[in-house]
Amino acid sequence: MFVDLISPRTLNTLTNKNHCLVNKVMAESAAAKVKSIFIYPIKSCRGISVSEAPLFSTGFRWDRQWIVVNSKVRACTQRVDPKLALVEVELLQGAFAVGWKPNKGSHRLNVVGRYSPL
């Protein structure tokens, strides 16, 4: 398995499906307080609690930007492999730099050639 980017077309489809619902919820609850924000950089893996996250038209930055795929380049999700929920993701400043050294028990995922690193 390796990690691949989710295509912008897929993100647009997901966004368009939920657009009306999001607008309705926002209109009904003008005053809201955010208690916590979680992002899921790799779809189906454990989320990360963040104090702030830049918001783009497709959602929070780094949220579901990556997905685990098998050797046939088919997406793997928790429905297929529930153990993905145990995968902890950590986004560190400079974690994808050439000189990065993993801690015991951590692994570096190399970016597939046609994609730029985080």
C-alpha atoms as a PDB file:
ATOM      1  CA  MET A   1       0.000   0.000   0.000  1.00  0.00           C
ATOM      2  CA  PHE A   2       1.064   3.586  -0.536  1.00  0.00           C
ATOM      3  CA  VAL A   3      -0.405   7.024  -0.074  1.00  0.00           C
ATOM      4  CA  ASP A   4      -1.787   8.990  -3.017  1.00  0.00           C
ATOM      5  CA  LEU A   5      -3.446  12.387  -3.423  1.00  0.00           C
ATOM      6  CA  ILE A   6      -7.214  12.569  -3.765  1.00  0.00           C
ATOM      7  CA  SER A   7      -8.055  14.186  -7.091  1.00  0.00           C
ATOM      8  CA  PRO A   8      -9.591  17.681  -7.127  1.00  0.00           C
ATOM      9  CA  ARG A   9     -12.507  16.243  -9.142  1.00  0.00           C
ATOM     10  CA  THR A  10     -13.317  13.837  -6.291  1.00  0.00           C
ATOM     11  CA  LEU A  11     -13.099  16.670  -3.760  1.00  0.00           C
ATOM     12  CA  ASN A  12     -15.414  18.843  -5.876  1.00  0.00           C
ATOM     13  CA  THR A  13     -17.935  16.003  -6.134  1.00  0.00           C
ATOM     14  CA  LEU A  14     -17.894  15.506  -2.356  1.00  0.00           C
ATOM     15  CA  THR A  15     -18.174  19.263  -1.768  1.00  0.00           C
ATOM     16  CA  ASN A  16     -21.057  19.682  -4.245  1.00  0.00           C
ATOM     17  CA  LYS A  17     -23.037  16.832  -2.647  1.00  0.00           C
ATOM     18  CA  ASN A  18     -22.896  18.520   0.756  1.00  0.00           C
ATOM     19  CA  HIS A  19     -23.092  22.170  -0.357  1.00  0.00           C
ATOM     20  CA  CYS A  20     -26.854  22.649   0.180  1.00  0.00           C
ATOM     21  CA  LEU A  21     -26.764  20.933   3.565  1.00  0.00           C
ATOM     22  CA  VAL A  22     -23.845  23.090   4.740  1.00  0.00           C
ATOM     23  CA  ASN A  23     -25.599  26.304   3.654  1.00  0.00           C
ATOM     24  CA  LYS A  24     -28.808  25.232   5.429  1.00  0.00           C
ATOM     25  CA  VAL A  25     -26.984  24.421   8.677  1.00  0.00           C
ATOM     26  CA  MET A  26     -25.059  27.712   8.538  1.00  0.00           C
ATOM     27  CA  ALA A  27     -28.263  29.685   7.965  1.00  0.00           C
ATOM     28  CA  GLU A  28     -30.053  27.980  10.862  1.00  0.00           C
ATOM     29  CA  SER A  29     -27.202  28.431  13.336  1.00  0.00           C
ATOM     30  CA  ALA A  30     -25.791  31.912  12.844  1.00  0.00           C
ATOM     31  CA  ALA A  31     -24.132  31.967  16.278  1.00  0.00           C
ATOM     32  CA  ALA A  32     -21.903  28.947  16.770  1.00  0.00           C
ATOM     33  CA  LYS A  33     -18.853  28.239  18.873  1.00  0.00           C
ATOM     34  CA  VAL A  34     -16.146  25.861  17.700  1.00  0.00           C
ATOM     35  CA  LYS A  35     -15.015  23.650  20.561  1.00  0.00           C
ATOM     36  CA  SER A  36     -12.384  21.641  18.672  1.00  0.00           C
ATOM     37  CA  ILE A  37     -11.088  21.021  15.163  1.00  0.00           C
ATOM     38  CA  PHE A  38      -9.883  17.678  13.880  1.00  0.00           C
ATOM     39  CA  ILE A  39      -8.278  17.128  10.506  1.00  0.00           C
ATOM     40  CA  TYR A  40      -7.683  13.789   8.857  1.00  0.00           C
ATOM     41  CA  PRO A  41      -4.673  14.229   6.532  1.00  0.00           C
ATOM     42  CA  ILE A  42      -4.900  10.604   5.370  1.00  0.00           C
ATOM     43  CA  LYS A  43      -8.498   9.524   4.718  1.00  0.00           C
ATOM     44  CA  SER A  44      -9.640   6.711   7.042  1.00  0.00           C
ATOM     45  CA  CYS A  45      -6.657   7.129   9.389  1.00  0.00           C
ATOM     46  CA  ARG A  46      -6.809   8.646  12.879  1.00  0.00           C
ATOM     47  CA  GLY A  47      -7.475  12.383  13.006  1.00  0.00           C
ATOM     48  CA  ILE A  48      -5.342  15.134  14.506  1.00  0.00           C
ATOM     49  CA  SER A  49      -6.646  17.775  16.897  1.00  0.00           C
ATOM     50  CA  VAL A  50      -5.471  21.241  15.817  1.00  0.00           C
ATOM     51  CA  SER A  51      -5.909  24.652  17.401  1.00  0.00           C
ATOM     52  CA  GLU A  52      -6.448  26.305  14.015  1.00  0.00           C
ATOM     53  CA  ALA A  53      -6.709  25.275  10.376  1.00  0.00           C
ATOM     54  CA  PRO A  54      -6.799  27.386   7.215  1.00  0.00           C
ATOM     55  CA  LEU A  55     -10.116  26.969   5.397  1.00  0.00           C
ATOM     56  CA  PHE A  56     -10.257  26.535   1.624  1.00  0.00           C
ATOM     57  CA  SER A  57     -13.201  25.962  -0.724  1.00  0.00           C
ATOM     58  CA  THR A  58     -12.590  22.202  -0.387  1.00  0.00           C
ATOM     59  CA  GLY A  59     -12.341  22.248   3.424  1.00  0.00           C
ATOM     60  CA  PHE A  60      -9.530  22.542   5.943  1.00  0.00           C
ATOM     61  CA  ARG A  61      -5.953  22.492   4.687  1.00  0.00           C
ATOM     62  CA  TRP A  62      -4.472  18.965   4.825  1.00  0.00           C
ATOM     63  CA  ASP A  63      -7.884  17.410   5.610  1.00  0.00           C
ATOM     64  CA  ARG A  64      -8.255  14.196   3.584  1.00  0.00           C
ATOM     65  CA  GLN A  65      -5.603  15.306   1.103  1.00  0.00           C
ATOM     66  CA  TRP A  66      -4.080  11.822   1.037  1.00  0.00           C
ATOM     67  CA  ILE A  67      -5.517   8.332   0.777  1.00  0.00           C
ATOM     68  CA  VAL A  68      -4.051   4.848   1.193  1.00  0.00           C
ATOM     69  CA  VAL A  69      -4.227   2.844  -2.026  1.00  0.00           C
ATOM     70  CA  ASN A  70      -3.366  -0.760  -2.810  1.00  0.00           C
ATOM     71  CA  SER A  71      -1.084  -2.067  -5.563  1.00  0.00           C
ATOM     72  CA  LYS A  72      -3.987  -1.732  -8.037  1.00  0.00           C
ATOM     73  CA  VAL A  73      -4.297   1.962  -7.062  1.00  0.00           C
ATOM     74  CA  ARG A  74      -7.688   1.370  -5.452  1.00  0.00           C
ATOM     75  CA  ALA A  75      -8.589   3.308  -2.324  1.00  0.00           C
ATOM     76  CA  CYS A  76      -8.412   1.476   1.003  1.00  0.00           C
ATOM     77  CA  THR A  77     -10.880   2.663   3.628  1.00  0.00           C
ATOM     78  CA  GLN A  78     -11.901   1.606   7.126  1.00  0.00           C
ATOM     79  CA  ARG A  79     -14.810  -0.308   5.604  1.00  0.00           C
ATOM     80  CA  VAL A  80     -12.306  -2.579   3.868  1.00  0.00           C
ATOM     81  CA  ASP A  81      -9.564  -2.446   6.516  1.00  0.00           C
ATOM     82  CA  PRO A  82     -10.728  -1.243   9.972  1.00  0.00           C
ATOM     83  CA  LYS A  83      -7.106  -1.254  11.207  1.00  0.00           C
ATOM     84  CA  LEU A  84      -6.552   2.004   9.296  1.00  0.00           C
ATOM     85  CA  ALA A  85      -8.228   3.721  12.259  1.00  0.00           C
ATOM     86  CA  LEU A  86      -5.146   2.791  14.301  1.00  0.00           C
ATOM     87  CA  VAL A  87      -2.739   4.636  11.986  1.00  0.00           C
ATOM     88  CA  GLU A  88      -1.588   7.830  13.695  1.00  0.00           C
ATOM     89  CA  VAL A  89      -0.653  10.738  11.461  1.00  0.00           C
ATOM     90  CA  GLU A  90       1.627  13.556  12.528  1.00  0.00           C
ATOM     91  CA  LEU A  91       2.347  16.649  10.445  1.00  0.00           C
ATOM     92  CA  LEU A  92       5.553  18.249  11.644  1.00  0.00           C
ATOM     93  CA  GLN A  93       7.226  21.337  10.238  1.00  0.00           C
ATOM     94  CA  GLY A  94      10.009  20.032   7.986  1.00  0.00           C
ATOM     95  CA  ALA A  95       8.953  16.384   8.358  1.00  0.00           C
ATOM     96  CA  PHE A  96       9.359  15.865   4.629  1.00  0.00           C
ATOM     97  CA  ALA A  97      12.770  17.483   4.400  1.00  0.00           C
ATOM     98  CA  VAL A  98      15.714  15.421   3.137  1.00  0.00           C
ATOM     99  CA  GLY A  99      17.400  15.326   6.569  1.00  0.00           C
ATOM    100  CA  TRP A 100      14.339  14.093   8.489  1.00  0.00           C
ATOM    101  CA  LYS A 101      15.062  11.209  10.868  1.00  0.00           C
ATOM    102  CA  PRO A 102      12.187   9.094  12.226  1.00  0.00           C
ATOM    103  CA  ASN A 103      11.646   8.388  15.911  1.00  0.00           C
ATOM    104  CA  LYS A 104      11.443   4.777  17.075  1.00  0.00           C
ATOM    105  CA  GLY A 105       8.194   3.316  15.757  1.00  0.00           C
ATOM    106  CA  SER A 106       7.535   6.028  13.158  1.00  0.00           C
ATOM    107  CA  HIS A 107       7.733   5.670   9.407  1.00  0.00           C
ATOM    108  CA  ARG A 108       8.306   8.127   6.617  1.00  0.00           C
ATOM    109  CA  LEU A 109       6.057   7.879   3.592  1.00  0.00           C
ATOM    110  CA  ASN A 110       7.783   8.931   0.423  1.00  0.00           C
ATOM    111  CA  VAL A 111       5.749  11.050  -1.927  1.00  0.00           C
ATOM    112  CA  VAL A 112       4.865   9.454  -5.258  1.00  0.00           C
ATOM    113  CA  GLY A 113       6.989  10.983  -8.045  1.00  0.00           C
ATOM    114  CA  ARG A 114       4.387  13.142  -9.777  1.00  0.00           C
ATOM    115  CA  TYR A 115       3.314  14.859  -6.542  1.00  0.00           C
ATOM    116  CA  SER A 116       5.140  17.534  -4.632  1.00  0.00           C
ATOM    117  CA  PRO A 117       5.881  17.004  -0.923  1.00  0.00           C
ATOM    118  CA  LEU A 118       3.792  18.569   1.818  1.00  0.00           C
END
